[in-house]
C-alpha atoms as a PDB file:
ATOM      1  CA  UNK A   1      -0.269  -0.145  -0.382  1.00  0.00           C
ATOM      2  CA  UNK A   2       1.231   2.974  -0.504  1.00  0.00           C
ATOM      3  CA  UNK A   3       0.512   6.382   1.291  1.00  0.00           C
ATOM      4  CA  UNK A   4      -1.043   9.730   0.573  1.00  0.00           C
ATOM      5  CA  UNK A   5       0.993  12.842   0.656  1.00  0.00           C
ATOM      6  CA  UNK A   6      -0.797  15.994   0.227  1.00  0.00           C
ATOM      7  CA  UNK A   7       0.550  19.016   1.082  1.00  0.00           C
ATOM      8  CA  UNK A   8      -1.590  22.640   1.059  1.00  0.00           C
ATOM      9  CA  UNK A   9      -2.761  24.924  -1.412  1.00  0.00           C
ATOM     10  CA  UNK A  10       0.793  26.928   1.308  1.00  0.00           C
ATOM     11  CA  UNK A  11       2.532  24.072   1.494  1.00  0.00           C
ATOM     12  CA  UNK A  12       2.603  24.341  -2.738  1.00  0.00           C
ATOM     13  CA  UNK A  13       4.032  28.146  -2.523  1.00  0.00           C
ATOM     14  CA  UNK A  14       6.396  27.338   0.377  1.00  0.00           C
ATOM     15  CA  UNK A  15       7.296  24.737  -1.414  1.00  0.00           C
ATOM     16  CA  UNK A  16       8.267  26.530  -4.705  1.00  0.00           C
ATOM     17  CA  UNK A  17       9.714  30.340  -3.487  1.00  0.00           C
ATOM     18  CA  UNK A  18      12.162  28.273  -1.376  1.00  0.00           C
ATOM     19  CA  UNK A  19      13.462  25.674  -3.745  1.00  0.00           C
ATOM     20  CA  UNK A  20      11.902  22.284  -1.761  1.00  0.00           C
ATOM     21  CA  UNK A  21      11.605  19.030  -4.149  1.00  0.00           C
ATOM     22  CA  UNK A  22       8.145  17.004  -3.110  1.00  0.00           C
ATOM     23  CA  UNK A  23      11.646  14.068  -1.934  1.00  0.00           C
ATOM     24  CA  UNK A  24      12.565  16.034   0.171  1.00  0.00           C
ATOM     25  CA  UNK A  25       9.462  17.158   1.828  1.00  0.00           C
ATOM     26  CA  UNK A  26       9.068  13.524   1.647  1.00  0.00           C
ATOM     27  CA  UNK A  27      12.658  12.384   3.091  1.00  0.00           C
ATOM     28  CA  UNK A  28      11.629  14.626   6.583  1.00  0.00           C
ATOM     29  CA  UNK A  29       7.962  13.263   6.931  1.00  0.00           C
ATOM     30  CA  UNK A  30       9.919   8.861   6.279  1.00  0.00           C
ATOM     31  CA  UNK A  31      13.521   9.900   8.392  1.00  0.00           C
ATOM     32  CA  UNK A  32      12.879  13.031  10.465  1.00  0.00           C
ATOM     33  CA  UNK A  33      13.214  13.327  13.845  1.00  0.00           C
ATOM     34  CA  UNK A  34       9.485  14.371  14.798  1.00  0.00           C
ATOM     35  CA  UNK A  35       8.374  16.297  17.769  1.00  0.00           C
ATOM     36  CA  UNK A  36       4.307  17.479  18.330  1.00  0.00           C
ATOM     37  CA  UNK A  37       2.798  20.569  18.301  1.00  0.00           C
ATOM     38  CA  UNK A  38      -0.288  20.415  20.197  1.00  0.00           C
ATOM     39  CA  UNK A  39      -2.213  18.174  16.571  1.00  0.00           C
ATOM     40  CA  UNK A  40       0.083  18.453  14.421  1.00  0.00           C
ATOM     41  CA  UNK A  41       3.791  17.065  13.755  1.00  0.00           C
ATOM     42  CA  UNK A  42       6.921  18.790  13.070  1.00  0.00           C
ATOM     43  CA  UNK A  43      10.059  16.349  11.303  1.00  0.00           C
ATOM     44  CA  UNK A  44      13.806  18.409  10.379  1.00  0.00           C
ATOM     45  CA  UNK A  45      15.619  16.208   8.702  1.00  0.00           C
ATOM     46  CA  UNK A  46      19.541  18.273   8.137  1.00  0.00           C
ATOM     47  CA  UNK A  47      17.934  21.547   7.494  1.00  0.00           C
ATOM     48  CA  UNK A  48      14.299  21.583   6.002  1.00  0.00           C
ATOM     49  CA  UNK A  49      11.961  21.333   8.741  1.00  0.00           C
ATOM     50  CA  UNK A  50       7.915  20.456   8.195  1.00  0.00           C
ATOM     51  CA  UNK A  51       4.817  20.949   9.548  1.00  0.00           C
ATOM     52  CA  UNK A  52       2.063  18.333   8.650  1.00  0.00           C
ATOM     53  CA  UNK A  53      -0.931  15.968  10.811  1.00  0.00           C
ATOM     54  CA  UNK A  54      -0.426  12.681   9.555  1.00  0.00           C
ATOM     55  CA  UNK A  55      -4.086   9.972   9.859  1.00  0.00           C
ATOM     56  CA  UNK A  56      -3.012   6.388   8.567  1.00  0.00           C
ATOM     57  CA  UNK A  57      -1.228   6.772   5.609  1.00  0.00           C
ATOM     58  CA  UNK A  58      -2.283  10.560   4.502  1.00  0.00           C
ATOM     59  CA  UNK A  59       0.899  13.297   5.150  1.00  0.00           C
ATOM     60  CA  UNK A  60      -1.139  16.234   4.631  1.00  0.00           C
ATOM     61  CA  UNK A  61       1.346  18.805   5.100  1.00  0.00           C
ATOM     62  CA  UNK A  62       0.786  22.021   6.046  1.00  0.00           C
ATOM     63  CA  UNK A  63       3.986  24.638   4.983  1.00  0.00           C
ATOM     64  CA  UNK A  64       8.147  23.397   4.808  1.00  0.00           C
ATOM     65  CA  UNK A  65      11.225  25.901   5.597  1.00  0.00           C
ATOM     66  CA  UNK A  66      14.268  25.883   5.860  1.00  0.00           C
ATOM     67  CA  UNK A  67      15.812  26.407   9.662  1.00  0.00           C
END
């Protein structure tokens, strides 16, 4: 089963503005260190941070930014 990656409109805009690829976001979510921020999860991998909400096999990306 392949998990779904669903960025918000804001996340898509930020990915383009900041030069972040879809692969970098997926790597950050799957391999990065994670911490909770309320109901959101913040993943850090290298210098990239991704804020997302996880449902079973669905990753709803809220925003991305370089640290």
